């Protein structure tokens, strides 16, 4: 009988490196923050051969697409099921030893994205919160996922020299949303 298994599928800049990385993978940690912080992914790799500190050294800013795949969870005949964790940008790479290991930290909202890095000033009059959120997402080249029936109308929403993300977070928090 096969034991329950979780395998990790990782794409580095859209190239599947799952097989190559699997024999070095020690720990993968994912934090799904509800609101106010970006989700994060941490990967710790064994590096006795020094591969991750030389020719396999990942680049800061590279994209990781991570998925967890479960097998044999209920029965031997069930098909594997997947949970996509999302797309992350490598934010920090550190190495330590003995034994030698590399830790890769990545965040779901890239630093160079206009959501965090650009301060703007603009305003909306008599606009629904979903419209404001959609305007901000569209400007960042993203699509909005709205998962609430609540959609308050704001008489006036004014963004004054704030990043889009901090502005949107503040108005959502003020209206009791995340």
N, C-alpha and C. Protein backbone atom coordinates (compact mmCIF):
# COMPACT_ATOMS: atom_id res chain seq x y z
N UNK A 1 0.83 -1.18 0.00
CA UNK A 1 0.00 0.00 0.00
C UNK A 1 0.88 1.25 0.00
N UNK A 2 0.47 2.21 -0.79
CA UNK A 2 1.20 3.48 -0.87
C UNK A 2 0.81 4.39 0.28
N UNK A 3 1.78 5.13 0.77
CA UNK A 3 1.52 6.09 1.84
C UNK A 3 1.05 7.42 1.24
N UNK A 4 0.33 8.17 2.03
CA UNK A 4 -0.08 9.51 1.60
C UNK A 4 1.16 10.31 1.27
N UNK A 5 1.04 11.12 0.22
CA UNK A 5 2.20 11.91 -0.20
C UNK A 5 1.78 13.31 -0.62
N UNK A 6 2.67 14.22 -0.35
CA UNK A 6 2.55 15.58 -0.86
C UNK A 6 3.83 15.84 -1.64
N UNK A 7 3.68 16.22 -2.88
CA UNK A 7 4.85 16.61 -3.67
C UNK A 7 4.71 18.09 -4.04
N UNK A 8 5.83 18.70 -4.32
CA UNK A 8 5.86 20.12 -4.63
C UNK A 8 6.21 20.28 -6.10
N UNK A 9 5.42 21.09 -6.77
CA UNK A 9 5.71 21.44 -8.16
C UNK A 9 6.15 22.89 -8.16
N UNK A 10 7.38 23.13 -8.60
CA UNK A 10 7.92 24.48 -8.61
C UNK A 10 8.40 24.83 -10.00
N UNK A 11 7.95 25.97 -10.47
CA UNK A 11 8.44 26.52 -11.73
C UNK A 11 9.26 27.76 -11.41
N UNK A 12 10.45 27.82 -12.02
CA UNK A 12 11.35 28.96 -11.85
C UNK A 12 11.36 29.71 -13.18
N UNK A 13 10.87 30.94 -13.16
CA UNK A 13 10.72 31.72 -14.40
C UNK A 13 10.04 30.88 -15.48
N UNK A 14 8.97 30.21 -15.08
CA UNK A 14 8.10 29.41 -15.96
C UNK A 14 8.72 28.10 -16.45
N UNK A 15 9.87 27.69 -15.89
CA UNK A 15 10.48 26.41 -16.23
C UNK A 15 10.31 25.46 -15.05
N UNK A 16 9.73 24.29 -15.29
CA UNK A 16 9.49 23.31 -14.23
C UNK A 16 10.81 22.74 -13.73
N UNK A 17 11.13 23.01 -12.47
CA UNK A 17 12.37 22.51 -11.86
C UNK A 17 12.07 21.50 -10.76
N UNK A 18 10.85 21.00 -10.72
CA UNK A 18 10.40 20.11 -9.64
C UNK A 18 11.28 18.89 -9.45
N UNK A 19 11.62 18.20 -10.53
CA UNK A 19 12.43 16.99 -10.43
C UNK A 19 13.83 17.33 -9.93
N UNK A 20 14.43 18.39 -10.48
CA UNK A 20 15.78 18.78 -10.08
C UNK A 20 15.85 19.20 -8.61
N UNK A 21 14.83 19.91 -8.16
CA UNK A 21 14.84 20.46 -6.80
C UNK A 21 14.44 19.42 -5.75
N UNK A 22 13.70 18.40 -6.12
CA UNK A 22 13.13 17.46 -5.15
C UNK A 22 14.17 16.76 -4.28
N UNK A 23 15.32 16.41 -4.84
CA UNK A 23 16.31 15.69 -4.03
C UNK A 23 17.07 16.60 -3.05
N UNK A 24 16.90 17.92 -3.19
CA UNK A 24 17.56 18.87 -2.30
C UNK A 24 16.59 19.54 -1.34
N UNK A 25 15.30 19.40 -1.58
CA UNK A 25 14.29 20.09 -0.79
C UNK A 25 14.20 19.55 0.63
N UNK A 26 14.44 20.41 1.61
CA UNK A 26 14.34 20.03 3.02
C UNK A 26 13.02 20.53 3.60
N UNK A 27 12.70 21.80 3.37
CA UNK A 27 11.49 22.40 3.95
C UNK A 27 10.89 23.38 2.94
N UNK A 28 9.57 23.36 2.85
CA UNK A 28 8.85 24.41 2.12
C UNK A 28 7.81 24.94 3.09
N UNK A 29 7.74 26.24 3.20
CA UNK A 29 6.82 26.88 4.12
C UNK A 29 6.06 27.97 3.38
N UNK A 30 4.74 27.98 3.56
CA UNK A 30 3.89 28.95 2.88
C UNK A 30 3.01 29.63 3.91
N UNK A 31 2.94 30.94 3.87
CA UNK A 31 2.07 31.70 4.77
C UNK A 31 1.06 32.44 3.93
N UNK A 32 -0.21 32.12 4.14
CA UNK A 32 -1.31 32.76 3.44
C UNK A 32 -1.89 33.82 4.37
N UNK A 33 -1.37 35.04 4.27
CA UNK A 33 -1.82 36.13 5.12
C UNK A 33 -3.19 36.61 4.67
N UNK A 34 -4.07 36.83 5.64
CA UNK A 34 -5.43 37.24 5.32
C UNK A 34 -5.46 38.65 4.74
N UNK A 35 -4.84 39.59 5.40
CA UNK A 35 -4.92 40.97 4.95
C UNK A 35 -3.80 41.78 5.56
N UNK A 36 -3.34 42.76 4.81
CA UNK A 36 -2.34 43.68 5.32
C UNK A 36 -0.91 43.29 5.04
N UNK A 37 -0.68 42.06 4.64
CA UNK A 37 0.67 41.59 4.32
C UNK A 37 0.61 40.68 3.10
N UNK A 38 1.70 40.66 2.37
CA UNK A 38 1.79 39.76 1.22
C UNK A 38 1.98 38.33 1.70
N UNK A 39 1.46 37.36 0.96
CA UNK A 39 1.72 35.96 1.25
C UNK A 39 3.20 35.71 1.02
N UNK A 40 3.75 34.71 1.70
CA UNK A 40 5.17 34.42 1.46
C UNK A 40 5.43 32.94 1.34
N UNK A 41 6.51 32.64 0.66
CA UNK A 41 6.96 31.27 0.41
C UNK A 41 8.42 31.20 0.82
N UNK A 42 8.77 30.17 1.61
CA UNK A 42 10.16 29.95 1.98
C UNK A 42 10.54 28.53 1.62
N UNK A 43 11.69 28.39 1.00
CA UNK A 43 12.20 27.09 0.58
C UNK A 43 13.60 26.93 1.15
N UNK A 44 13.83 25.81 1.85
CA UNK A 44 15.16 25.51 2.35
C UNK A 44 15.67 24.28 1.61
N UNK A 45 16.87 24.42 1.03
CA UNK A 45 17.46 23.37 0.21
C UNK A 45 18.79 22.92 0.80
N UNK A 46 19.02 21.62 0.80
CA UNK A 46 20.31 21.06 1.19
C UNK A 46 21.29 21.43 0.08
N UNK A 47 22.53 21.83 0.47
CA UNK A 47 23.48 22.27 -0.55
C UNK A 47 24.91 21.82 -0.25
N UNK A 48 25.08 20.53 0.07
CA UNK A 48 26.43 20.01 0.34
C UNK A 48 27.35 20.17 -0.86
N UNK A 49 26.80 20.05 -2.06
CA UNK A 49 27.61 20.14 -3.28
C UNK A 49 27.85 21.59 -3.71
N UNK A 50 27.22 22.55 -3.06
CA UNK A 50 27.42 23.96 -3.40
C UNK A 50 26.73 24.40 -4.68
N UNK A 51 25.81 23.59 -5.19
CA UNK A 51 25.12 23.93 -6.44
C UNK A 51 24.32 25.23 -6.34
N UNK A 52 23.63 25.42 -5.22
CA UNK A 52 22.74 26.56 -5.07
C UNK A 52 23.51 27.84 -4.78
N UNK A 53 24.80 27.72 -4.52
CA UNK A 53 25.62 28.91 -4.29
C UNK A 53 26.51 29.20 -5.49
N UNK A 54 26.33 28.42 -6.56
CA UNK A 54 27.12 28.66 -7.78
C UNK A 54 26.20 28.62 -8.99
N UNK A 55 26.29 27.56 -9.81
CA UNK A 55 25.56 27.56 -11.08
C UNK A 55 24.05 27.50 -10.95
N UNK A 56 23.52 27.02 -9.83
CA UNK A 56 22.06 26.96 -9.64
C UNK A 56 21.55 28.11 -8.78
N UNK A 57 22.40 29.08 -8.49
CA UNK A 57 22.01 30.20 -7.63
C UNK A 57 20.83 30.94 -8.24
N UNK A 58 19.70 31.00 -7.53
CA UNK A 58 18.54 31.72 -8.06
C UNK A 58 18.80 33.23 -8.05
N UNK A 59 18.08 33.94 -8.89
CA UNK A 59 18.24 35.39 -8.97
C UNK A 59 17.16 36.08 -8.17
N UNK A 60 17.56 37.13 -7.45
CA UNK A 60 16.56 37.94 -6.76
C UNK A 60 15.66 38.55 -7.82
N UNK A 61 14.36 38.50 -7.60
CA UNK A 61 13.40 39.03 -8.57
C UNK A 61 12.85 37.98 -9.52
N UNK A 62 13.47 36.78 -9.53
CA UNK A 62 12.96 35.70 -10.39
C UNK A 62 11.61 35.23 -9.84
N UNK A 63 10.80 34.65 -10.73
CA UNK A 63 9.46 34.22 -10.34
C UNK A 63 9.41 32.73 -10.02
N UNK A 64 8.73 32.40 -8.94
CA UNK A 64 8.47 31.02 -8.56
C UNK A 64 6.97 30.79 -8.58
N UNK A 65 6.55 29.73 -9.24
CA UNK A 65 5.15 29.34 -9.24
C UNK A 65 5.09 28.02 -8.50
N UNK A 66 4.41 28.00 -7.35
CA UNK A 66 4.43 26.82 -6.48
C UNK A 66 3.06 26.18 -6.37
N UNK A 67 3.04 24.84 -6.44
CA UNK A 67 1.82 24.05 -6.32
C UNK A 67 2.12 22.84 -5.44
N UNK A 68 1.19 22.51 -4.55
CA UNK A 68 1.29 21.28 -3.77
C UNK A 68 0.37 20.25 -4.41
N UNK A 69 0.86 19.02 -4.54
CA UNK A 69 0.05 17.96 -5.13
C UNK A 69 -0.01 16.79 -4.16
N UNK A 70 -1.25 16.39 -3.82
CA UNK A 70 -1.42 15.26 -2.92
C UNK A 70 -1.76 13.99 -3.70
N UNK A 71 -1.22 12.88 -3.22
CA UNK A 71 -1.47 11.57 -3.83
C UNK A 71 -1.83 10.58 -2.75
N UNK A 72 -2.71 9.65 -3.07
CA UNK A 72 -3.10 8.56 -2.19
C UNK A 72 -3.66 9.07 -0.86
N UNK A 73 -4.39 10.17 -0.87
CA UNK A 73 -4.87 10.74 0.38
C UNK A 73 -6.04 9.94 0.95
N UNK A 74 -6.98 9.57 0.09
CA UNK A 74 -8.14 8.80 0.54
C UNK A 74 -8.03 7.32 0.12
N UNK A 75 -7.72 7.10 -1.17
CA UNK A 75 -7.60 5.74 -1.69
C UNK A 75 -6.45 5.68 -2.69
N UNK A 76 -6.05 4.46 -3.04
CA UNK A 76 -4.97 4.29 -4.01
C UNK A 76 -5.39 4.65 -5.42
N UNK A 77 -6.69 4.57 -5.69
CA UNK A 77 -7.16 4.80 -7.06
C UNK A 77 -7.53 6.26 -7.35
N UNK A 78 -7.52 7.12 -6.34
CA UNK A 78 -7.92 8.50 -6.59
C UNK A 78 -6.85 9.25 -7.41
N UNK A 79 -7.30 10.19 -8.18
CA UNK A 79 -6.40 11.01 -8.97
C UNK A 79 -5.73 12.04 -8.06
N UNK A 80 -4.50 12.43 -8.39
CA UNK A 80 -3.83 13.46 -7.59
C UNK A 80 -4.63 14.76 -7.61
N UNK A 81 -4.63 15.47 -6.49
CA UNK A 81 -5.29 16.76 -6.39
C UNK A 81 -4.24 17.81 -6.11
N UNK A 82 -4.45 19.00 -6.68
CA UNK A 82 -3.45 20.05 -6.56
C UNK A 82 -4.00 21.28 -5.87
N UNK A 83 -3.11 21.99 -5.19
CA UNK A 83 -3.41 23.28 -4.59
C UNK A 83 -2.32 24.23 -5.04
N UNK A 84 -2.68 25.17 -5.90
CA UNK A 84 -1.70 26.15 -6.38
C UNK A 84 -1.54 27.21 -5.30
N UNK A 85 -0.32 27.41 -4.84
CA UNK A 85 -0.03 28.41 -3.82
C UNK A 85 0.06 29.80 -4.43
N UNK A 86 0.48 29.87 -5.68
CA UNK A 86 0.52 31.15 -6.36
C UNK A 86 1.87 31.45 -6.98
N UNK A 87 1.97 32.70 -7.43
CA UNK A 87 3.17 33.20 -8.09
C UNK A 87 3.89 34.11 -7.10
N UNK A 88 5.19 33.88 -6.93
CA UNK A 88 5.98 34.60 -5.96
C UNK A 88 7.23 35.16 -6.61
N UNK A 89 7.71 36.28 -6.10
CA UNK A 89 8.97 36.85 -6.56
C UNK A 89 10.02 36.63 -5.48
N UNK A 90 11.19 36.11 -5.89
CA UNK A 90 12.27 35.88 -4.94
C UNK A 90 12.73 37.22 -4.38
N UNK A 91 12.72 37.27 -3.05
CA UNK A 91 13.00 38.51 -2.33
C UNK A 91 14.35 38.47 -1.62
N UNK A 92 14.71 37.27 -1.14
CA UNK A 92 15.93 37.14 -0.34
C UNK A 92 16.49 35.73 -0.48
N UNK A 93 17.82 35.63 -0.58
CA UNK A 93 18.49 34.34 -0.68
C UNK A 93 19.63 34.35 0.34
N UNK A 94 19.63 33.36 1.25
CA UNK A 94 20.70 33.27 2.23
C UNK A 94 21.25 31.85 2.26
N UNK A 95 22.50 31.74 2.68
CA UNK A 95 23.09 30.40 2.82
C UNK A 95 23.71 30.31 4.21
N UNK A 96 23.74 29.09 4.72
CA UNK A 96 24.34 28.84 6.03
C UNK A 96 24.89 27.43 6.03
N UNK A 97 25.59 27.09 7.06
CA UNK A 97 26.14 25.75 7.11
C UNK A 97 26.56 25.44 8.52
N UNK A 98 27.03 24.46 8.72
CA UNK A 98 27.15 23.08 8.40
C UNK A 98 25.97 22.33 8.93
N UNK A 99 25.29 21.45 8.27
CA UNK A 99 25.51 21.20 6.84
C UNK A 99 25.00 22.37 6.00
N UNK A 100 25.61 22.51 4.85
CA UNK A 100 25.32 23.65 3.99
C UNK A 100 23.88 23.61 3.48
N UNK A 101 23.21 24.77 3.58
CA UNK A 101 21.85 24.88 3.07
C UNK A 101 21.62 26.29 2.56
N UNK A 102 20.63 26.41 1.69
CA UNK A 102 20.24 27.69 1.11
C UNK A 102 18.78 27.92 1.43
N UNK A 103 18.46 29.14 1.85
CA UNK A 103 17.07 29.51 2.11
C UNK A 103 16.65 30.57 1.10
N UNK A 104 15.53 30.30 0.43
CA UNK A 104 14.98 31.22 -0.56
C UNK A 104 13.67 31.75 0.00
N UNK A 105 13.56 33.06 0.10
CA UNK A 105 12.32 33.68 0.56
C UNK A 105 11.72 34.45 -0.62
N UNK A 106 10.41 34.29 -0.78
CA UNK A 106 9.72 34.94 -1.89
C UNK A 106 8.39 35.52 -1.39
N UNK A 107 7.95 36.60 -2.02
CA UNK A 107 6.69 37.24 -1.65
C UNK A 107 5.74 37.25 -2.83
N UNK A 108 4.44 37.26 -2.50
CA UNK A 108 3.43 37.17 -3.56
C UNK A 108 3.21 38.48 -4.30
N UNK A 109 3.52 39.60 -3.70
CA UNK A 109 3.37 40.88 -4.38
C UNK A 109 4.77 41.44 -4.58
N UNK A 110 5.25 41.47 -5.80
CA UNK A 110 6.63 41.91 -6.06
C UNK A 110 6.87 43.36 -5.64
N UNK A 111 8.09 43.63 -5.13
CA UNK A 111 8.47 44.98 -4.72
C UNK A 111 8.42 45.97 -5.88
N UNK A 112 8.75 45.52 -7.09
CA UNK A 112 8.79 46.46 -8.20
C UNK A 112 7.41 46.71 -8.80
N UNK A 113 6.40 46.07 -8.24
CA UNK A 113 5.04 46.25 -8.73
C UNK A 113 4.54 47.62 -8.28
N UNK A 114 3.79 48.28 -9.14
CA UNK A 114 3.27 49.61 -8.82
C UNK A 114 2.32 49.60 -7.63
N UNK A 115 1.81 48.44 -7.24
CA UNK A 115 0.92 48.37 -6.09
C UNK A 115 1.59 48.84 -4.81
N UNK A 116 2.88 48.53 -4.66
CA UNK A 116 3.60 48.87 -3.44
C UNK A 116 4.56 50.03 -3.62
N UNK A 117 5.16 50.12 -4.79
CA UNK A 117 6.29 51.02 -4.96
C UNK A 117 5.96 52.44 -5.39
N UNK A 118 4.80 52.70 -5.96
CA UNK A 118 4.50 54.01 -6.50
C UNK A 118 3.46 54.71 -5.64
N UNK A 119 3.81 55.90 -5.16
CA UNK A 119 2.84 56.69 -4.40
C UNK A 119 2.03 57.54 -5.36
N UNK A 120 0.72 57.53 -5.16
CA UNK A 120 -0.18 58.25 -6.06
C UNK A 120 -1.10 59.16 -5.27
N UNK A 121 -1.66 60.11 -6.00
CA UNK A 121 -2.72 60.96 -5.46
C UNK A 121 -3.84 60.96 -6.47
N UNK A 122 -5.01 60.51 -6.06
CA UNK A 122 -6.20 60.50 -6.91
C UNK A 122 -7.42 60.33 -6.02
N UNK A 123 -8.59 60.52 -6.61
CA UNK A 123 -9.80 60.42 -5.80
C UNK A 123 -10.95 59.83 -6.60
N UNK A 124 -11.92 59.35 -5.86
CA UNK A 124 -13.15 58.79 -6.43
C UNK A 124 -14.32 59.47 -5.73
N UNK A 125 -15.38 59.75 -6.47
CA UNK A 125 -16.61 60.34 -5.92
C UNK A 125 -17.74 59.35 -6.07
N UNK A 126 -18.50 59.14 -4.99
CA UNK A 126 -19.67 58.26 -5.00
C UNK A 126 -19.38 56.95 -5.75
N UNK A 127 -18.31 56.30 -5.33
CA UNK A 127 -17.88 55.06 -6.00
C UNK A 127 -18.02 53.88 -5.05
N UNK A 128 -18.41 52.75 -5.61
CA UNK A 128 -18.45 51.51 -4.83
C UNK A 128 -17.02 51.04 -4.59
N UNK A 129 -16.80 50.43 -3.45
CA UNK A 129 -15.47 49.94 -3.09
C UNK A 129 -14.93 48.97 -4.13
N UNK A 130 -15.79 48.13 -4.68
CA UNK A 130 -15.35 47.17 -5.68
C UNK A 130 -14.83 47.88 -6.93
N UNK A 131 -15.43 49.00 -7.31
CA UNK A 131 -14.97 49.77 -8.47
C UNK A 131 -13.58 50.33 -8.20
N UNK A 132 -13.37 50.86 -6.99
CA UNK A 132 -12.06 51.41 -6.63
C UNK A 132 -11.00 50.30 -6.66
N UNK A 133 -11.33 49.16 -6.05
CA UNK A 133 -10.39 48.03 -6.02
C UNK A 133 -10.09 47.54 -7.43
N UNK A 134 -11.10 47.51 -8.27
CA UNK A 134 -10.90 47.07 -9.66
C UNK A 134 -10.03 48.06 -10.43
N UNK A 135 -10.24 49.36 -10.21
CA UNK A 135 -9.39 50.38 -10.86
C UNK A 135 -7.92 50.18 -10.49
N UNK A 136 -7.69 49.92 -9.20
CA UNK A 136 -6.32 49.73 -8.71
C UNK A 136 -5.71 48.45 -9.29
N UNK A 137 -6.48 47.36 -9.28
CA UNK A 137 -5.99 46.09 -9.83
C UNK A 137 -5.70 46.22 -11.33
N UNK A 138 -6.60 46.84 -12.07
CA UNK A 138 -6.42 47.01 -13.52
C UNK A 138 -5.17 47.83 -13.83
N UNK A 139 -4.94 48.88 -13.06
CA UNK A 139 -3.76 49.73 -13.28
C UNK A 139 -2.47 48.95 -13.05
N UNK A 140 -2.53 47.92 -12.21
CA UNK A 140 -1.34 47.08 -11.93
C UNK A 140 -1.26 45.88 -12.86
N UNK A 141 -2.20 45.79 -13.82
CA UNK A 141 -2.19 44.65 -14.75
C UNK A 141 -2.70 43.37 -14.11
N UNK A 142 -3.55 43.50 -13.11
CA UNK A 142 -4.08 42.34 -12.40
C UNK A 142 -5.59 42.31 -12.55
N UNK A 143 -6.17 41.15 -12.23
CA UNK A 143 -7.63 41.07 -12.20
C UNK A 143 -8.05 40.95 -10.74
N UNK A 144 -9.17 41.56 -10.43
CA UNK A 144 -9.66 41.60 -9.06
C UNK A 144 -10.47 40.35 -8.74
N UNK A 145 -10.23 39.78 -7.57
CA UNK A 145 -11.05 38.69 -7.05
C UNK A 145 -11.83 39.27 -5.90
N UNK A 146 -13.14 39.43 -6.06
CA UNK A 146 -14.01 40.04 -5.05
C UNK A 146 -14.85 38.94 -4.44
N UNK A 147 -14.68 38.66 -3.15
CA UNK A 147 -15.35 37.54 -2.53
C UNK A 147 -16.20 37.98 -1.33
N UNK A 148 -17.08 38.94 -1.56
CA UNK A 148 -18.00 39.38 -0.53
C UNK A 148 -19.24 39.96 -1.19
N UNK A 149 -20.35 39.85 -0.51
CA UNK A 149 -21.57 40.47 -1.03
C UNK A 149 -21.61 41.95 -0.67
N UNK A 150 -20.82 42.34 0.32
CA UNK A 150 -20.78 43.74 0.72
C UNK A 150 -20.00 44.55 -0.31
N UNK A 151 -20.53 45.72 -0.61
CA UNK A 151 -19.89 46.61 -1.58
C UNK A 151 -20.29 48.04 -1.25
N UNK A 152 -19.72 48.58 -0.16
CA UNK A 152 -20.15 49.91 0.29
C UNK A 152 -19.84 51.00 -0.74
N UNK A 153 -20.70 52.02 -0.76
CA UNK A 153 -20.48 53.19 -1.61
C UNK A 153 -19.75 54.23 -0.77
N UNK A 154 -18.67 54.75 -1.30
CA UNK A 154 -17.91 55.78 -0.60
C UNK A 154 -18.26 57.12 -1.22
N UNK A 155 -18.69 58.07 -0.39
CA UNK A 155 -19.01 59.40 -0.90
C UNK A 155 -17.79 60.01 -1.57
N UNK A 156 -16.66 59.89 -0.88
CA UNK A 156 -15.40 60.38 -1.45
C UNK A 156 -14.26 59.53 -0.90
N UNK A 157 -13.43 59.03 -1.78
CA UNK A 157 -12.23 58.29 -1.39
C UNK A 157 -11.04 59.01 -2.00
N UNK A 158 -10.13 59.44 -1.14
CA UNK A 158 -9.01 60.23 -1.61
C UNK A 158 -7.68 59.55 -1.26
N UNK A 159 -6.93 59.24 -2.28
CA UNK A 159 -5.60 58.65 -2.13
C UNK A 159 -4.60 59.78 -2.26
N UNK A 160 -3.88 60.09 -1.18
CA UNK A 160 -2.95 61.21 -1.19
C UNK A 160 -1.54 60.72 -0.90
N UNK A 161 -0.72 60.70 -1.92
CA UNK A 161 0.68 60.28 -1.81
C UNK A 161 0.81 58.98 -1.01
N UNK A 162 0.06 57.97 -1.45
CA UNK A 162 0.08 56.64 -0.84
C UNK A 162 0.26 55.61 -1.94
N UNK A 163 0.84 54.48 -1.59
CA UNK A 163 0.88 53.38 -2.55
C UNK A 163 -0.54 52.84 -2.70
N UNK A 164 -0.82 52.24 -3.84
CA UNK A 164 -2.15 51.68 -4.09
C UNK A 164 -2.51 50.63 -3.04
N UNK A 165 -1.54 49.80 -2.68
CA UNK A 165 -1.81 48.72 -1.74
C UNK A 165 -2.14 49.26 -0.34
N UNK A 166 -1.38 50.24 0.14
CA UNK A 166 -1.67 50.78 1.48
C UNK A 166 -2.99 51.54 1.48
N UNK A 167 -3.32 52.24 0.40
CA UNK A 167 -4.59 52.95 0.30
C UNK A 167 -5.76 51.97 0.30
N UNK A 168 -5.68 50.94 -0.53
CA UNK A 168 -6.75 49.96 -0.62
C UNK A 168 -6.92 49.21 0.70
N UNK A 169 -5.81 48.86 1.33
CA UNK A 169 -5.87 48.19 2.63
C UNK A 169 -6.59 49.06 3.65
N UNK A 170 -6.25 50.36 3.68
CA UNK A 170 -6.85 51.27 4.67
C UNK A 170 -8.35 51.42 4.48
N UNK A 171 -8.81 51.58 3.23
CA UNK A 171 -10.25 51.76 3.04
C UNK A 171 -11.01 50.46 3.28
N UNK A 172 -10.41 49.33 2.93
CA UNK A 172 -11.06 48.04 3.21
C UNK A 172 -11.16 47.83 4.72
N UNK A 173 -10.09 48.09 5.44
CA UNK A 173 -10.09 47.93 6.90
C UNK A 173 -11.13 48.84 7.53
N UNK A 174 -11.22 50.07 7.04
CA UNK A 174 -12.20 51.02 7.55
C UNK A 174 -13.64 50.54 7.35
N UNK A 175 -13.86 49.77 6.30
CA UNK A 175 -15.21 49.26 6.01
C UNK A 175 -15.42 47.84 6.54
N UNK A 176 -14.45 47.35 7.32
CA UNK A 176 -14.59 46.02 7.93
C UNK A 176 -14.34 44.88 6.97
N UNK A 177 -13.59 45.14 5.90
CA UNK A 177 -13.28 44.10 4.91
C UNK A 177 -11.78 43.85 4.88
N UNK A 178 -11.39 42.76 4.27
CA UNK A 178 -9.97 42.41 4.16
C UNK A 178 -9.57 42.39 2.70
